[in-house]
C-alpha atoms as a PDB file:
ATOM      1  CA  MET A   1     119.560  63.722 128.136  1.00  0.00           C
ATOM      2  CA  ALA A   2     119.587  64.786 124.501  1.00  0.00           C
ATOM      3  CA  GLN A   3     117.952  68.010 123.789  1.00  0.00           C
ATOM      4  CA  GLU A   4     115.536  68.137 120.898  1.00  0.00           C
ATOM      5  CA  ARG A   5     116.752  70.648 118.266  1.00  0.00           C
ATOM      6  CA  LEU A   6     114.222  72.996 116.875  1.00  0.00           C
ATOM      7  CA  PRO A   7     114.648  74.767 113.591  1.00  0.00           C
ATOM      8  CA  PRO A   8     115.665  78.330 113.974  1.00  0.00           C
ATOM      9  CA  ARG A   9     112.858  80.857 114.150  1.00  0.00           C
ATOM     10  CA  ARG A  10     112.362  83.196 111.418  1.00  0.00           C
ATOM     11  CA  ARG A  11     110.956  86.638 111.884  1.00  0.00           C
ATOM     12  CA  ALA A  12     107.866  87.198 110.029  1.00  0.00           C
ATOM     13  CA  ARG A  13     108.277  90.208 107.729  1.00  0.00           C
ATOM     14  CA  PRO A  14     105.535  92.650 107.681  1.00  0.00           C
ATOM     15  CA  ALA A  15     103.644  92.590 104.540  1.00  0.00           C
ATOM     16  CA  LEU A  16     103.535  96.355 104.344  1.00  0.00           C
ATOM     17  CA  ALA A  17     106.298  98.864 104.862  1.00  0.00           C
ATOM     18  CA  PRO A  18     106.131 100.789 108.096  1.00  0.00           C
ATOM     19  CA  PRO A  19     104.282 104.009 107.918  1.00  0.00           C
ATOM     20  CA  LEU A  20     106.470 107.025 107.165  1.00  0.00           C
ATOM     21  CA  ARG A  21     107.380 109.057 110.211  1.00  0.00           C
ATOM     22  CA  SER A  22     106.962 112.678 110.243  1.00  0.00           C
ATOM     23  CA  ARG A  23     109.984 114.890 110.643  1.00  0.00           C
ATOM     24  CA  ARG A  24     108.794 115.844 114.201  1.00  0.00           C
ATOM     25  CA  ASP A  25     108.523 112.095 115.161  1.00  0.00           C
ATOM     26  CA  ARG A  26     111.973 111.470 113.866  1.00  0.00           C
ATOM     27  CA  SER A  27     113.391 114.440 115.754  1.00  0.00           C
ATOM     28  CA  LEU A  28     111.656 113.398 119.010  1.00  0.00           C
ATOM     29  CA  GLY A  29     112.990 109.775 118.531  1.00  0.00           C
ATOM     30  CA  ALA A  30     116.530 111.170 117.972  1.00  0.00           C
ATOM     31  CA  MET A  31     116.279 113.294 120.984  1.00  0.00           C
ATOM     32  CA  ALA A  32     115.039 110.485 123.137  1.00  0.00           C
ATOM     33  CA  SER A  33     117.958 108.304 121.823  1.00  0.00           C
ATOM     34  CA  GLN A  34     120.388 111.046 122.640  1.00  0.00           C
ATOM     35  CA  GLY A  35     118.838 111.560 126.098  1.00  0.00           C
ATOM     36  CA  ALA A  36     119.235 107.791 126.760  1.00  0.00           C
ATOM     37  CA  THR A  37     122.870 107.962 125.592  1.00  0.00           C
ATOM     38  CA  LEU A  38     123.516 111.042 127.829  1.00  0.00           C
ATOM     39  CA  GLN A  39     121.787 109.163 130.738  1.00  0.00           C
ATOM     40  CA  ASN A  40     124.116 106.213 130.110  1.00  0.00           C
ATOM     41  CA  TYR A  41     127.193 108.511 130.034  1.00  0.00           C
ATOM     42  CA  ASN A  42     125.962 110.201 133.226  1.00  0.00           C
ATOM     43  CA  ASN A  43     125.486 106.803 134.969  1.00  0.00           C
ATOM     44  CA  GLU A  44     128.989 105.665 133.889  1.00  0.00           C
ATOM     45  CA  LEU A  45     130.476 108.996 135.046  1.00  0.00           C
ATOM     46  CA  VAL A  46     128.793 108.777 138.484  1.00  0.00           C
ATOM     47  CA  LYS A  47     129.978 105.153 138.781  1.00  0.00           C
ATOM     48  CA  SER A  48     133.544 106.133 137.805  1.00  0.00           C
ATOM     49  CA  ILE A  49     133.469 109.005 140.347  1.00  0.00           C
ATOM     50  CA  GLU A  50     132.294 106.519 143.061  1.00  0.00           C
ATOM     51  CA  ASP A  51     134.997 104.086 142.147  1.00  0.00           C
ATOM     52  CA  LEU A  52     137.571 106.836 142.394  1.00  0.00           C
ATOM     53  CA  ARG A  53     136.235 107.945 145.766  1.00  0.00           C
ATOM     54  CA  GLU A  54     136.429 104.282 147.075  1.00  0.00           C
ATOM     55  CA  LYS A  55     140.076 104.084 145.822  1.00  0.00           C
ATOM     56  CA  ARG A  56     140.857 107.357 147.503  1.00  0.00           C
ATOM     57  CA  GLU A  57     139.387 106.227 150.761  1.00  0.00           C
ATOM     58  CA  GLU A  58     141.441 103.033 150.615  1.00  0.00           C
ATOM     59  CA  VAL A  59     144.608 105.097 150.066  1.00  0.00           C
ATOM     60  CA  ASN A  60     143.545 107.460 152.835  1.00  0.00           C
ATOM     61  CA  ARG A  61     143.169 104.435 155.223  1.00  0.00           C
ATOM     62  CA  GLN A  62     146.632 103.247 154.264  1.00  0.00           C
ATOM     63  CA  ILE A  63     148.035 106.762 154.783  1.00  0.00           C
ATOM     64  CA  LEU A  64     146.482 106.923 158.256  1.00  0.00           C
ATOM     65  CA  LYS A  65     147.745 103.512 159.152  1.00  0.00           C
ATOM     66  CA  GLU A  66     151.290 104.389 157.961  1.00  0.00           C
ATOM     67  CA  GLU A  67     151.265 107.701 159.844  1.00  0.00           C
ATOM     68  CA  GLU A  68     150.209 105.767 162.953  1.00  0.00           C
ATOM     69  CA  ASP A  69     153.048 103.386 162.427  1.00  0.00           C
ATOM     70  CA  LYS A  70     155.438 106.199 161.790  1.00  0.00           C
ATOM     71  CA  ALA A  71     154.421 107.954 165.066  1.00  0.00           C
ATOM     72  CA  LYS A  72     154.859 104.729 166.986  1.00  0.00           C
ATOM     73  CA  ILE A  73     158.354 104.200 165.514  1.00  0.00           C
ATOM     74  CA  GLN A  74     159.271 107.804 166.146  1.00  0.00           C
ATOM     75  CA  LYS A  75     158.280 107.385 169.843  1.00  0.00           C
ATOM     76  CA  GLU A  76     160.260 104.145 170.088  1.00  0.00           C
ATOM     77  CA  LEU A  77     163.202 105.843 168.365  1.00  0.00           C
ATOM     78  CA  SER A  78     163.079 108.719 170.943  1.00  0.00           C
ATOM     79  CA  ILE A  79     162.971 106.323 173.762  1.00  0.00           C
ATOM     80  CA  LEU A  80     165.871 104.292 172.334  1.00  0.00           C
ATOM     81  CA  THR A  81     167.892 107.537 171.591  1.00  0.00           C
ATOM     82  CA  ASP A  82     167.454 108.607 175.195  1.00  0.00           C
ATOM     83  CA  ARG A  83     168.466 105.209 176.444  1.00  0.00           C
ATOM     84  CA  MET A  84     171.596 105.186 174.176  1.00  0.00           C
ATOM     85  CA  GLN A  85     172.498 108.645 175.490  1.00  0.00           C
ATOM     86  CA  LYS A  86     172.235 107.480 179.089  1.00  0.00           C
ATOM     87  CA  LEU A  87     174.305 104.309 178.238  1.00  0.00           C
ATOM     88  CA  ASN A  88     177.014 106.479 176.560  1.00  0.00           C
ATOM     89  CA  GLU A  89     177.190 108.758 179.618  1.00  0.00           C
ATOM     90  CA  SER A  90     177.343 105.675 181.922  1.00  0.00           C
ATOM     91  CA  LEU A  91     180.095 104.207 179.738  1.00  0.00           C
ATOM     92  CA  VAL A  92     182.118 107.378 179.942  1.00  0.00           C
ATOM     93  CA  ARG A  93     181.819 107.445 183.737  1.00  0.00           C
ATOM     94  CA  LYS A  94     182.659 103.756 184.105  1.00  0.00           C
ATOM     95  CA  THR A  95     185.527 103.976 181.685  1.00  0.00           C
ATOM     96  CA  GLN A  96     187.030 106.836 183.717  1.00  0.00           C
ATOM     97  CA  ALA A  97     186.512 104.788 186.954  1.00  0.00           C
ATOM     98  CA  ARG A  98     188.178 101.766 185.340  1.00  0.00           C
ATOM     99  CA  ASN A  99     191.138 103.964 184.214  1.00  0.00           C
ATOM    100  CA  GLU A 100     191.443 105.257 187.756  1.00  0.00           C
ATOM    101  CA  TYR A 101     191.436 101.697 189.134  1.00  0.00           C
ATOM    102  CA  ASP A 102     194.131 100.748 186.600  1.00  0.00           C
ATOM    103  CA  LYS A 103     196.249 103.743 187.689  1.00  0.00           C
ATOM    104  CA  THR A 104     195.805 103.025 191.402  1.00  0.00           C
ATOM    105  CA  ILE A 105     196.568  99.322 190.830  1.00  0.00           C
ATOM    106  CA  GLN A 106     199.848 100.250 188.916  1.00  0.00           C
ATOM    107  CA  GLU A 107     200.850 102.666 191.610  1.00  0.00           C
ATOM    108  CA  THR A 108     200.022 100.197 194.343  1.00  0.00           C
ATOM    109  CA  GLU A 109     201.928  97.397 192.669  1.00  0.00           C
ATOM    110  CA  ALA A 110     204.921  99.708 192.067  1.00  0.00           C
ATOM    111  CA  ALA A 111     204.935 100.686 195.746  1.00  0.00           C
ATOM    112  CA  TYR A 112     204.504  97.053 196.794  1.00  0.00           C
ATOM    113  CA  MET A 113     207.546  96.151 194.606  1.00  0.00           C
ATOM    114  CA  LYS A 114     209.545  98.873 196.311  1.00  0.00           C
ATOM    115  CA  ILE A 115     208.497  97.538 199.727  1.00  0.00           C
ATOM    116  CA  LEU A 116     209.471  93.984 198.717  1.00  0.00           C
ATOM    117  CA  GLU A 117     212.892  95.230 197.492  1.00  0.00           C
ATOM    118  CA  SER A 118     213.329  97.222 200.709  1.00  0.00           C
ATOM    119  CA  SER A 119     212.249  94.209 202.777  1.00  0.00           C
ATOM    120  CA  GLN A 120     214.750  92.016 200.871  1.00  0.00           C
ATOM    121  CA  THR A 121     217.477  94.563 201.365  1.00  0.00           C
ATOM    122  CA  LEU A 122     216.547  94.955 205.030  1.00  0.00           C
ATOM    123  CA  LEU A 123     216.599  91.131 205.366  1.00  0.00           C
ATOM    124  CA  HIS A 124     220.091  90.884 203.803  1.00  0.00           C
ATOM    125  CA  VAL A 125     221.346  93.723 206.075  1.00  0.00           C
ATOM    126  CA  LEU A 126     219.815  92.012 209.050  1.00  0.00           C
ATOM    127  CA  LYS A 127     221.473  88.709 208.098  1.00  0.00           C
ATOM    128  CA  ARG A 128     224.752  90.308 207.592  1.00  0.00           C
ATOM    129  CA  GLU A 129     224.608  92.219 210.904  1.00  0.00           C
ATOM    130  CA  THR A 130     223.526  88.962 212.617  1.00  0.00           C
ATOM    131  CA  VAL A 131     226.568  87.169 211.170  1.00  0.00           C
ATOM    132  CA  ASN A 132     228.844  90.056 212.178  1.00  0.00           C
ATOM    133  CA  LEU A 133     227.448  90.098 215.659  1.00  0.00           C
ATOM    134  CA  SER A 134     227.855  86.392 215.941  1.00  0.00           C
ATOM    135  CA  LYS A 135     231.450  86.720 214.837  1.00  0.00           C
ATOM    136  CA  LYS A 136     232.071  89.508 217.343  1.00  0.00           C
ATOM    137  CA  LYS A 137     230.442  87.569 220.088  1.00  0.00           C
ATOM    138  CA  GLY A 138     232.376  84.468 219.158  1.00  0.00           C
ATOM    139  CA  SER A 139     235.651  86.283 219.190  1.00  0.00           C
ATOM    140  CA  ALA A 140     234.876  88.137 222.415  1.00  0.00           C
ATOM    141  CA  GLU A 141     234.348  84.949 224.350  1.00  0.00           C
END
């Protein structure tokens, strides 16, 4: 749809100049204008303060959340630290036990090897004596 264009409106100029204001009227008008300006400044200032308070509250909420997160992490860290200390103590005890097992195994293996050597020696002596006895028995017959 095409809009119909109207010629621009012209303000009608008053035929006569406005009546002259008195000094008092001008002063009151100026004061009213200043009052309105001050009211606008006041409104802007109040709005700015409200905006700052909202931003402060948002930051405060973030601080509270992060402090809550921090407390939670500190608690978890404390639990993990205690757990790690217990594990370290357990590792020390178990490492000592393992070292004692290693020492016992080495000593037992060394004693076993001595027993094997002694058994071998005993077996050789026994065979030699058996042969000697057989020879003596054979020559005595």
